[in-house]
Protein backbone atom coordinates (compact mmCIF):
# COMPACT_ATOMS: atom_id res chain seq x y z
CA MET A 1 1.48 -113.00 -60.29
CA GLN A 2 5.25 -113.70 -61.56
CA ILE A 3 7.75 -112.61 -58.79
CA ASN A 4 11.24 -113.23 -58.16
CA GLN A 5 12.36 -115.32 -55.91
CA LEU A 6 14.96 -113.22 -54.08
CA GLN A 7 15.98 -109.87 -54.25
CA LYS A 8 19.91 -109.43 -54.86
CA GLN A 9 22.20 -107.56 -52.35
CA PRO A 10 24.79 -105.70 -52.74
CA SER A 11 28.19 -107.57 -52.54
CA ALA A 12 29.99 -105.44 -49.49
CA PRO A 13 27.62 -103.90 -47.25
CA LEU A 14 28.34 -101.00 -44.72
CA PHE A 15 26.72 -101.25 -41.53
CA ILE A 16 26.44 -98.45 -39.29
CA LEU A 17 24.71 -98.71 -36.11
CA LEU A 18 22.48 -95.66 -34.92
CA SER A 19 19.95 -96.01 -32.14
CA GLY A 20 19.68 -99.47 -31.89
CA LEU A 21 19.28 -99.86 -35.85
CA ALA A 22 21.82 -101.23 -38.51
CA ILE A 23 21.52 -99.04 -41.54
CA ILE A 24 22.70 -100.06 -44.82
CA PRO A 25 23.07 -97.41 -47.69
CA THR A 26 22.33 -99.25 -51.01
CA ILE A 27 24.89 -97.98 -53.23
CA SER A 28 24.24 -98.63 -56.89
CA CYS A 29 26.79 -98.34 -60.04
CA THR A 30 26.71 -94.53 -61.73
CA ASN A 31 28.26 -93.61 -64.77
CA PHE A 32 31.28 -91.54 -64.21
CA ASN A 33 30.29 -89.10 -66.70
CA SER A 34 26.66 -88.00 -64.88
CA ILE A 35 28.07 -87.65 -61.55
CA ALA A 36 30.33 -84.80 -63.04
CA GLN A 37 27.09 -83.35 -64.59
CA THR A 38 24.42 -83.80 -61.71
CA THR A 39 24.08 -83.83 -58.25
CA PRO A 40 23.52 -87.52 -57.14
CA LYS A 41 20.30 -88.77 -55.06
CA PRO A 42 21.00 -89.55 -51.32
CA ALA A 43 21.40 -93.33 -51.13
CA PRO A 44 18.51 -95.31 -49.89
CA GLN A 45 19.35 -96.45 -46.77
CA GLU A 46 18.35 -100.27 -45.88
CA ILE A 47 17.50 -100.72 -41.86
CA ILE A 48 17.52 -103.89 -40.21
CA GLN A 49 15.50 -104.28 -37.40
CA PRO A 50 16.85 -105.67 -34.24
CA GLY A 51 15.08 -108.65 -32.22
CA GLU A 52 14.25 -111.98 -33.56
CA VAL A 53 11.73 -113.33 -36.34
CA ARG A 54 9.64 -116.17 -35.30
CA PRO A 55 7.37 -118.18 -37.12
CA LEU A 56 3.62 -117.99 -36.43
CA PRO A 57 1.93 -120.23 -33.73
CA GLY A 58 -1.20 -122.15 -34.96
CA LYS A 59 -2.23 -123.44 -38.13
CA LEU A 60 -5.24 -123.01 -40.99
CA ASP A 61 -8.47 -124.64 -40.17
CA ASN A 62 -9.68 -127.28 -42.37
CA ILE A 63 -12.63 -125.25 -44.35
CA PRO A 64 -12.63 -125.59 -47.93
CA VAL A 65 -12.49 -122.43 -50.15
CA PHE A 66 -13.70 -122.13 -53.57
CA ASN A 67 -11.34 -120.06 -54.92
CA SER A 68 -11.74 -118.28 -58.12
CA ASN A 69 -8.89 -116.28 -59.44
CA SER A 70 -7.87 -117.52 -62.56
CA PRO A 71 -8.05 -115.80 -65.28
CA GLU A 72 -7.52 -112.97 -63.52
CA TRP A 73 -8.24 -110.64 -66.78
CA ILE A 74 -11.05 -112.00 -68.59
CA LYS A 75 -11.47 -111.46 -72.67
CA THR A 76 -13.56 -114.79 -73.42
CA GLU A 77 -16.44 -115.93 -71.52
CA GLY A 78 -16.64 -119.40 -70.36
CA ILE A 79 -15.93 -121.38 -67.04
CA LEU A 80 -13.56 -119.90 -64.49
CA LEU A 81 -13.87 -122.97 -61.77
CA SER A 82 -16.22 -125.57 -61.51
CA THR A 83 -16.55 -128.25 -58.90
CA PHE A 84 -19.39 -130.27 -60.37
CA PRO A 85 -19.12 -133.64 -61.63
CA ALA A 86 -17.31 -133.77 -65.47
CA ASN A 87 -20.39 -136.35 -66.63
CA GLY A 88 -22.66 -135.06 -69.06
CA LYS A 89 -20.35 -131.90 -69.80
CA LYS A 90 -18.99 -131.22 -73.17
CA ASN A 91 -15.55 -130.16 -71.46
CA PRO A 92 -14.71 -132.81 -68.41
CA ALA A 93 -11.60 -131.20 -68.11
CA ALA A 94 -13.07 -127.90 -66.78
CA HIS A 95 -15.01 -129.95 -64.12
CA LEU A 96 -13.57 -130.87 -60.65
CA ASN A 97 -16.10 -132.83 -58.90
CA PHE A 98 -15.66 -131.29 -55.58
CA PRO A 99 -18.88 -131.37 -53.07
CA PHE A 100 -19.00 -128.69 -50.62
CA GLN A 101 -21.05 -129.65 -47.17
CA GLY A 102 -21.07 -127.57 -43.99
CA ARG A 103 -19.06 -124.60 -43.67
CA PHE A 104 -16.91 -123.06 -46.68
CA ASP A 105 -16.14 -119.73 -48.20
CA LEU A 106 -16.54 -118.61 -51.58
CA PHE A 107 -13.77 -116.07 -53.00
CA ALA A 108 -14.00 -114.70 -56.62
CA HIS A 109 -11.76 -112.08 -58.11
CA HIS A 110 -11.63 -111.28 -61.55
CA TYR A 111 -11.44 -108.13 -64.08
CA THR A 112 -12.28 -106.93 -67.73
CA HIS A 113 -10.32 -104.62 -70.09
CA THR A 114 -11.72 -103.02 -73.31
CA PRO A 115 -13.91 -105.75 -74.37
CA LYS A 116 -15.48 -105.84 -77.72
CA ASP A 117 -17.84 -103.31 -78.22
CA LEU A 118 -17.48 -102.53 -74.71
CA GLN A 119 -19.94 -105.44 -73.74
CA THR A 120 -20.97 -105.69 -69.98
CA LEU A 121 -19.39 -109.01 -68.72
CA TYR A 122 -21.31 -110.73 -66.09
CA LEU A 123 -19.92 -113.07 -63.22
CA GLY A 124 -22.10 -115.63 -62.32
CA VAL A 125 -21.76 -118.19 -59.58
CA ILE A 126 -23.86 -121.18 -59.53
CA LEU A 127 -25.00 -123.55 -56.99
CA HIS A 128 -26.47 -127.23 -57.68
CA ASN A 129 -28.17 -129.76 -55.34
CA PRO A 130 -27.07 -133.17 -56.23
CA GLY A 131 -29.38 -135.07 -53.93
CA LYS A 132 -32.84 -136.15 -53.23
CA LYS A 133 -33.50 -133.69 -50.42
CA PRO A 134 -33.72 -129.99 -50.46
CA VAL A 135 -30.79 -128.42 -49.32
CA THR A 136 -30.41 -125.14 -47.35
CA VAL A 137 -27.38 -122.83 -48.14
CA ASP A 138 -27.18 -120.11 -45.31
CA VAL A 139 -25.26 -116.90 -46.40
CA LEU A 140 -23.35 -116.14 -43.25
CA GLN A 141 -21.66 -112.55 -44.65
CA GLY A 142 -20.68 -111.54 -48.01
CA ALA A 143 -19.75 -108.64 -49.75
CA SER A 144 -19.03 -107.72 -53.94
CA TYR A 145 -17.58 -104.70 -54.94
CA LEU A 146 -16.66 -103.36 -58.55
CA LEU A 147 -13.60 -101.53 -58.93
CA GLN A 148 -15.53 -98.33 -60.07
CA ASP A 149 -17.11 -98.45 -56.72
CA ALA A 150 -13.71 -98.98 -55.02
CA PRO A 151 -11.02 -97.59 -56.96
CA PHE A 152 -7.20 -98.01 -56.19
CA VAL A 153 -6.39 -94.64 -54.69
CA THR A 154 -3.26 -93.74 -52.67
CA LEU A 155 -3.76 -93.18 -48.88
CA ALA A 156 -2.22 -92.51 -45.87
CA PRO A 157 -0.60 -95.33 -43.93
CA TYR A 158 -3.24 -95.17 -41.23
CA ILE A 159 -7.21 -93.92 -41.34
CA GLU A 160 -8.93 -94.48 -38.69
CA ASN A 161 -12.09 -96.90 -40.40
CA ASN A 162 -14.94 -97.47 -37.74
CA ASP A 163 -17.56 -96.46 -40.59
CA GLY A 164 -15.94 -98.50 -43.34
CA LYS A 165 -15.24 -95.57 -45.71
CA ALA A 166 -11.25 -96.10 -46.21
CA PHE A 167 -10.32 -98.53 -48.95
CA SER A 168 -8.21 -98.86 -52.15
CA GLY A 169 -9.48 -101.63 -54.46
CA PRO A 170 -12.61 -103.89 -54.76
CA GLY A 171 -10.86 -106.61 -52.73
CA ASP A 172 -10.12 -104.36 -49.92
CA ARG A 173 -13.50 -102.97 -49.51
CA ALA A 174 -15.03 -106.61 -49.84
CA VAL A 175 -13.15 -108.08 -47.15
CA SER A 176 -13.29 -105.06 -44.74
CA ASP A 177 -16.95 -105.71 -45.04
CA VAL A 178 -16.86 -109.33 -44.06
CA LEU A 179 -14.40 -108.60 -41.18
CA ARG A 180 -17.12 -106.37 -39.88
CA GLY A 181 -19.69 -109.58 -40.18
CA ILE A 182 -21.85 -107.94 -42.85
CA ARG A 183 -24.09 -109.34 -45.44
CA GLN A 184 -25.02 -107.17 -48.27
CA ALA A 185 -28.62 -106.52 -48.94
CA ASP A 186 -28.60 -108.08 -52.35
CA PHE A 187 -27.44 -111.56 -51.07
CA PRO A 188 -30.20 -113.36 -49.55
CA SER A 189 -29.73 -114.79 -45.94
CA LYS A 190 -30.23 -118.32 -47.12
CA LEU A 191 -30.88 -120.32 -50.55
CA VAL A 192 -33.30 -123.45 -50.39
CA ILE A 193 -32.09 -125.70 -53.32
CA PRO A 194 -34.73 -128.21 -54.44
CA PRO A 195 -33.34 -131.85 -55.12
CA GLY A 196 -31.54 -131.92 -58.42
CA GLN A 197 -31.81 -128.08 -58.96
CA SER A 198 -29.55 -124.99 -58.93
CA ARG A 199 -29.57 -121.57 -57.96
CA MET A 200 -27.80 -118.42 -58.74
CA LEU A 201 -25.74 -116.81 -55.69
CA LEU A 202 -24.23 -114.12 -57.72
CA ASN A 203 -25.40 -113.00 -60.99
CA HIS A 204 -23.51 -109.39 -61.03
CA PRO A 205 -22.58 -107.10 -64.08
CA ILE A 206 -18.59 -105.95 -64.83
CA PRO A 207 -19.42 -102.94 -66.59
CA VAL A 208 -17.00 -100.91 -68.88
CA ARG A 209 -19.30 -98.44 -70.92
CA ASN A 210 -19.16 -94.98 -69.99
CA LEU A 211 -16.27 -95.34 -67.70
CA GLU A 212 -13.18 -92.95 -68.51
CA LYS A 213 -11.05 -96.04 -69.32
CA PRO A 214 -12.80 -99.37 -70.20
CA ILE A 215 -11.25 -101.18 -67.39
CA ASN A 216 -13.24 -102.75 -64.19
CA GLY A 217 -13.30 -105.83 -61.91
CA ARG A 218 -15.26 -107.45 -59.10
CA SER A 219 -14.21 -108.99 -55.61
CA SER A 220 -16.48 -111.12 -54.21
CA LEU A 221 -15.78 -112.75 -50.28
CA ILE A 222 -18.78 -115.02 -49.24
CA ARG A 223 -19.01 -117.16 -45.98
CA LEU A 224 -21.54 -119.90 -46.32
CA ARG A 225 -23.15 -123.21 -44.69
CA SER A 226 -24.85 -125.91 -46.62
CA SER A 227 -26.89 -128.62 -44.75
CA ASP A 228 -25.96 -131.07 -47.33
CA LYS A 229 -23.78 -131.39 -50.17
CA VAL A 230 -23.61 -128.76 -53.17
CA HIS A 231 -21.87 -128.33 -56.23
CA THR A 232 -20.18 -124.87 -57.09
CA ALA A 233 -19.19 -123.02 -60.09
CA SER A 234 -18.16 -119.55 -61.10
CA LEU A 235 -18.42 -118.73 -64.84
CA ALA A 236 -18.03 -115.49 -67.38
CA MET A 237 -20.64 -114.43 -69.78
CA PHE A 238 -21.21 -111.42 -71.76
CA ALA A 239 -24.60 -109.63 -71.32
CA LYS A 240 -27.50 -110.73 -73.14
CA LYS A 241 -29.81 -108.65 -75.50
CA ASN A 242 -33.23 -107.22 -74.71
CA PRO A 243 -35.69 -106.90 -77.75
CA ASP A 244 -34.94 -103.17 -77.66
CA GLY A 245 -31.26 -103.79 -77.49
CA SER A 246 -30.61 -102.79 -74.29
CA ASP A 247 -28.43 -105.36 -71.83
CA ARG A 248 -29.92 -107.95 -69.66
CA ALA A 249 -28.63 -110.39 -66.87
CA PRO A 250 -28.05 -114.07 -68.28
CA THR A 251 -30.82 -116.12 -67.13
CA LEU A 252 -30.47 -119.40 -64.74
CA ALA A 253 -30.97 -121.45 -67.90
CA GLU A 254 -28.29 -119.64 -69.91
CA TRP A 255 -25.89 -120.07 -66.90
CA GLN A 256 -26.56 -123.67 -66.87
CA ASP A 257 -26.13 -124.04 -70.68
CA LEU A 258 -22.51 -122.40 -70.73
CA LEU A 259 -21.57 -124.84 -67.58
CA ASN A 260 -22.85 -127.86 -69.57
CA THR A 261 -21.22 -126.99 -72.91
CA GLY A 262 -18.78 -124.18 -72.41
CA ASN A 263 -14.92 -124.25 -72.30
CA PHE A 264 -12.48 -122.11 -70.18
CA ALA A 265 -12.85 -118.56 -70.07
CA GLY A 266 -9.91 -117.07 -71.28
CA PRO A 267 -7.07 -116.06 -71.76
CA ARG A 268 -5.09 -118.44 -69.43
CA ASP A 269 -2.69 -117.02 -67.25
CA LYS A 270 0.81 -118.10 -66.76
CA THR A 271 1.43 -121.32 -65.95
CA PRO A 272 3.11 -121.77 -62.43
CA THR A 273 6.40 -123.18 -61.25
CA PRO A 274 6.64 -126.39 -60.06
CA PRO A 275 7.19 -126.99 -56.18
CA ASN A 276 9.92 -129.14 -56.87
CA ALA A 277 11.62 -126.56 -59.03
CA THR A 278 15.34 -125.62 -57.80
CA SER A 279 16.24 -122.52 -60.26
CA GLY A 280 14.94 -120.08 -62.60
CA GLN A 281 12.34 -117.30 -62.04
CA LEU A 282 9.61 -118.06 -59.41
CA ILE A 283 6.14 -118.06 -61.26
CA TYR A 284 3.49 -118.29 -58.43
CA GLY A 285 0.60 -118.43 -61.29
CA ARG A 286 -3.27 -117.80 -60.53
CA VAL A 287 -5.34 -119.67 -58.22
CA ALA A 288 -8.69 -121.74 -59.26
CA GLY A 289 -9.56 -124.56 -57.56
CA VAL A 290 -10.82 -125.79 -54.07
CA SER A 291 -8.19 -124.27 -51.02
CA GLN A 292 -7.98 -125.82 -47.49
CA GLY A 293 -8.01 -122.97 -45.04
CA SER A 294 -10.17 -120.12 -44.40
CA GLN A 295 -9.16 -119.29 -40.90
CA TRP A 296 -5.68 -119.24 -38.64
CA SER A 297 -6.18 -118.26 -35.34
CA ALA A 298 -3.06 -117.89 -32.81
CA ASN A 299 -1.90 -117.10 -29.57
CA LEU A 300 1.07 -115.63 -29.52
CA VAL A 301 2.91 -116.90 -26.37
CA ASP A 302 6.58 -117.43 -25.60
CA ASN A 303 6.37 -121.18 -26.14
CA PRO A 304 3.51 -123.89 -25.63
CA LYS A 305 3.55 -124.48 -22.18
CA THR A 306 3.10 -120.64 -21.32
CA THR A 307 0.14 -118.53 -21.44
CA THR A 308 1.99 -114.75 -21.99
CA LEU A 309 4.36 -113.11 -24.55
CA SER A 310 7.06 -111.67 -22.66
CA ILE A 311 7.82 -108.40 -24.28
CA PRO A 312 11.11 -107.96 -25.87
CA GLN A 313 14.25 -106.03 -23.96
CA ARG A 314 14.24 -102.19 -24.35
CA GLY A 315 15.03 -101.28 -28.32
CA LYS A 316 14.23 -104.61 -29.38
CA ALA A 317 11.47 -106.60 -31.51
CA ILE A 318 9.86 -109.80 -32.06
CA SER A 319 8.24 -110.26 -35.39
CA TYR A 320 5.72 -112.86 -36.38
CA THR A 321 5.72 -114.02 -39.66
CA LEU A 322 2.10 -113.75 -41.90
CA VAL A 323 1.41 -114.80 -44.88
CA THR A 324 4.63 -116.64 -45.69
CA LEU A 325 5.13 -118.17 -49.11
CA ARG A 326 7.51 -120.40 -50.83
CA GLY A 327 10.40 -117.72 -52.07
CA GLY A 328 9.25 -115.62 -49.26
CA ARG A 329 9.46 -117.04 -45.86
CA LEU A 330 11.65 -114.49 -44.12
CA GLY A 331 14.11 -116.67 -42.74
CA THR A 332 11.51 -119.15 -41.22
CA ASP A 333 10.82 -122.78 -42.11
CA GLN A 334 7.18 -121.68 -42.21
CA ILE A 335 4.90 -121.78 -45.07
CA GLN A 336 1.44 -120.35 -44.63
CA THR A 337 -0.12 -120.74 -47.49
CA PRO A 338 -3.20 -122.87 -47.94
CA LYS A 339 -2.86 -126.43 -49.77
CA MET A 340 -5.19 -127.12 -52.98
CA LEU A 341 -7.51 -129.69 -52.44
CA VAL A 342 -8.20 -129.72 -56.21
CA ARG A 343 -7.16 -127.59 -59.14
CA TYR A 344 -6.42 -126.86 -62.77
CA PRO A 345 -3.16 -128.24 -64.10
CA ASP A 346 -2.29 -124.60 -65.57
CA THR A 347 -2.85 -122.87 -62.24
CA ALA A 348 -1.35 -122.41 -59.10
CA TYR A 349 -0.03 -125.24 -56.97
CA GLU A 350 -1.19 -123.46 -53.60
CA ALA A 351 -3.39 -120.48 -52.90
CA HIS A 352 -0.09 -118.50 -52.37
CA GLY A 353 -1.78 -114.90 -51.92
CA ASN A 354 -3.97 -116.11 -48.92
CA TYR A 355 -6.70 -113.88 -50.35
CA GLY A 356 -9.83 -113.99 -48.14
CA VAL A 357 -8.06 -115.99 -45.01
CA ALA A 358 -8.82 -114.56 -41.64
CA TYR A 359 -5.92 -114.04 -39.32
CA ASN A 360 -7.20 -113.50 -35.51
CA LEU A 361 -4.22 -113.08 -33.15
CA SER A 362 -4.17 -112.62 -29.63
CA LEU A 363 -0.97 -110.97 -27.99
CA PRO A 364 -1.24 -111.68 -24.14
CA LEU A 365 1.96 -109.34 -23.55
CA SER A 366 3.84 -109.25 -19.84
CA ASN A 367 5.68 -107.20 -18.16
CA SER A 368 8.12 -108.95 -15.87
CA THR A 369 10.27 -106.23 -15.14
CA LYS A 370 10.43 -103.78 -12.24
CA GLN A 371 10.05 -100.56 -14.67
CA ASN A 372 7.08 -99.42 -16.65
CA GLN A 373 7.45 -100.43 -20.15
CA ALA A 374 6.33 -98.96 -23.51
CA VAL A 375 5.18 -101.61 -25.98
CA THR A 376 3.96 -101.28 -29.54
CA VAL A 377 2.32 -103.40 -32.05
CA THR A 378 2.82 -102.71 -35.67
CA LEU A 379 1.82 -104.59 -38.70
CA GLU A 380 4.38 -103.86 -41.37
CA THR A 381 5.80 -105.17 -44.93
CA PRO A 382 9.72 -105.69 -44.76
CA LEU A 383 11.67 -106.59 -47.47
CA LYS A 384 10.75 -109.93 -49.38
CA GLU A 385 13.19 -112.78 -48.86
CA ASP A 386 13.22 -116.38 -48.22
CA LYS A 387 16.50 -116.68 -46.00
CA LEU A 388 17.35 -113.42 -44.08
CA SER A 389 20.48 -112.08 -45.51
CA GLN A 390 21.30 -109.62 -42.55
CA GLY A 391 19.68 -111.80 -40.03
CA ASN A 392 16.81 -109.94 -39.40
CA VAL A 393 13.81 -108.50 -41.48
CA ARG A 394 14.53 -105.46 -43.43
CA PHE A 395 13.28 -102.04 -44.34
CA ARG A 396 14.24 -99.06 -46.49
CA LYS A 397 14.07 -95.63 -46.37
CA PRO A 398 12.72 -94.24 -48.80
CA SER A 399 10.48 -97.33 -49.30
CA LEU A 400 10.12 -98.72 -52.68
CA ASP A 401 7.15 -97.24 -54.42
CA PHE A 402 4.96 -100.26 -54.76
CA PRO A 403 1.88 -100.72 -52.58
CA PHE A 404 2.15 -103.74 -50.68
CA PHE A 405 -0.77 -104.01 -48.22
CA ARG A 406 -4.20 -102.22 -48.62
CA GLY A 407 -6.75 -103.54 -45.87
CA THR A 408 -8.13 -103.09 -43.02
CA VAL A 409 -7.41 -104.35 -39.42
CA ARG A 410 -9.47 -104.70 -36.25
CA LEU A 411 -7.37 -104.00 -32.70
CA ASN A 412 -9.00 -105.02 -29.52
CA TYR A 413 -7.14 -103.95 -26.27
CA ILE A 414 -7.31 -102.01 -22.64
CA ASP A 415 -5.84 -98.65 -23.56
CA ASP A 416 -3.85 -96.92 -20.55
CA GLN A 417 -6.78 -95.37 -19.02
CA GLY A 418 -8.38 -98.77 -18.44
CA GLN A 419 -10.98 -98.53 -21.43
CA GLN A 420 -11.93 -101.25 -23.78
CA LYS A 421 -11.25 -100.17 -27.25
CA THR A 422 -12.27 -101.75 -30.66
CA ARG A 423 -10.72 -99.87 -33.47
CA TYR A 424 -10.84 -100.73 -37.44
CA VAL A 425 -7.70 -99.10 -39.11
CA HIS A 426 -7.13 -98.63 -42.67
CA LEU A 427 -3.54 -99.45 -43.90
CA TRP A 428 -2.10 -98.35 -46.96
CA HIS A 429 1.83 -99.66 -46.97
CA ARG A 430 4.31 -99.97 -49.56
CA THR A 431 7.27 -102.62 -49.31
CA GLY A 432 10.08 -102.06 -47.00
CA GLN A 433 8.23 -98.89 -45.33
CA VAL A 434 8.85 -97.42 -41.93
CA LEU A 435 5.80 -97.09 -39.87
CA GLU A 436 4.36 -95.58 -36.92
CA PRO A 437 2.67 -98.39 -34.66
CA LEU A 438 -1.02 -99.37 -34.68
CA VAL A 439 -1.01 -99.53 -31.02
CA LYS A 440 0.98 -98.00 -28.31
CA VAL A 441 0.64 -99.10 -24.41
CA VAL A 442 2.40 -98.44 -21.18
CA LEU A 443 2.85 -101.55 -19.15
CA PRO A 444 3.61 -101.33 -15.21
CA PRO A 445 6.02 -103.49 -13.58
CA SER A 446 4.82 -107.31 -13.15
CA THR A 447 1.24 -106.69 -15.19
CA LYS A 448 -0.16 -108.29 -18.19
CA ARG A 449 -2.34 -106.92 -20.82
CA THR A 450 -3.64 -108.70 -24.44
CA VAL A 451 -3.98 -107.03 -27.62
CA LYS A 452 -5.93 -108.84 -30.27
CA VAL A 453 -5.55 -108.06 -34.19
CA ASP A 454 -7.92 -109.45 -36.46
CA LEU A 455 -7.71 -109.04 -40.53
CA ILE A 456 -8.90 -110.83 -43.42
CA TYR A 457 -5.91 -110.75 -45.85
CA PRO A 458 -7.01 -108.51 -48.66
CA PRO A 459 -6.74 -109.14 -52.44
CA ASP A 460 -4.29 -107.06 -54.38
CA SER A 461 -2.20 -107.34 -51.36
CA THR A 462 1.55 -108.90 -51.64
CA PRO A 463 2.81 -111.24 -48.94
CA PRO A 464 4.91 -112.03 -46.80
CA GLN A 465 3.82 -109.38 -43.58
CA VAL A 466 5.20 -109.19 -40.09
CA LEU A 467 3.22 -108.32 -36.86
CA THR A 468 5.62 -107.02 -34.60
CA VAL A 469 5.99 -106.13 -30.84
CA ARG A 470 8.53 -103.84 -30.12
CA THR A 471 9.55 -102.29 -26.51
CA LEU A 472 10.75 -98.78 -26.83
CA ASP A 473 13.87 -96.92 -25.90
CA GLN A 474 11.96 -94.54 -23.77
CA LEU A 475 8.14 -94.18 -22.19
C-alpha cells in the first residue's frame, strides 16, 4: 500500500461557523475560459468537528500473529511466509525461525490476477511439530472466503447485520464471522500433530476460470491455541493435474517439498520507507512476518483514576483515535500499529493496517448535568492527517469517493426503554463522510449508561478512524 504522508491544505482557508460546525470551502484553481463556458460545480465543504481528539486508552496484548499479506498479488508460486528454522532449507533467507506456543492468530490475505492458462492457485498453511511429543492445536475460530463469494460491492453506510449477510470483500466477511465466534465447518476443532511431523491447516483454492474477470483472492483469519511449540508457513502453489487432466489440490508431501526447496512467491511488493525517514513519499509496504498484538481492550474514561466518561458539552464531541499509524496519528502522539517480531527485509516494518486486530471498547457514559442529554456514538473516518491542521478532525461534503471502512461492528447497550440490546451493524464508509450515529441514547440527569463497541479491523479498509461520543444540541 502506497499512501502520501499528508494531504495538502488550502493556503488561506475561509472559516464559517454554522450550528457549531466550522465549514471550509475547498477552492481549486480553475481555468478562466472554462468559467465562462461552463457552470462550476459547488465547492466541496470541509467540516471541522468541534470538541477534542484523545488517544485511545489501553494497549495491544502480546499475542503473536502470523501475518501473511505480501506479496498481495501472486503471479509465481513459492513461499509467502515461513517461521520454520532455516537449517536444511534451500533458501535460508525465506525462513524466520519463530515458534508459536499457546494462543496465536493466523491472518492470510492474497490475490491472483490472470494466471497463465487460468491455472487455479492454491493457498496452503502448514503446521509443524518440531518436538518429541504430540502437539494439539485447537482451532478456536476461523473463516476463509474467496473474493468471488464476497465481492466488493457498494453498500449503504449502515445495514443491520445480525444475520451476517452484509459484506463487501472477503476480508470483511471473514473477520465478521470470527467476531461472531464462528469456526467454519471445513476447519477441524483441533489438529493433533505427531512428533517431527506436519499437518495442513489450510489447503484452499483461488480459482479464476469461468469468472467474468480472471481475478480472485482469499482472505483468512484463524484463532489458534497450541499445547507446545509449532512452526508455521503459508505457501502458494498452482493446482496439480490428475491423470484425466483435471485439477487437484497439492498433497502434504508436495507442500513440504515447496517449503524445503522453494523460493519466495512473487512478484515482490514495493519496498517500504524506513521508519527513520523524514521526507519523501511514505510507502508502508505489505506485511509478511509475525506481528505482536491480536486484541486492544480499553475502558474509555476521563482519566485512569475514574470509572466513567463524562459526556461532552452540548454540541461538542470527544473522538478517540483508532488504528493510528505513522503519517496518520490525527494530532496525537499515539501509534497503534503492532510491531513486527520477525519480518522479511523488503516487507513492512510494522503491521500498519491492523488487519485482524480486535478492538473491544467500553464507554461508561455519565451525565452529571441536571438535564436530559441525548448522546450518540459514531465510528467514522475523518480526512487522514498526522498533525491536525485545523485543530480537530475534519470531514468533507461531499465525501471523497474512496471506501475507507468496510466491516461489521457489534454494539451492546441498554436502550431508552431499559432493554439490553446486542446489534451487529455493517458499515460502508467513504473517507471524510459525514455520518448518522450508530447509537443514540438519552441519559437522564445524574445517570450512567455503558455502551460497548467491538470490532475486528477488516482487511481492505484504510486507517485511521475515530470513535466519537457526541452530545446533541437538542434531544
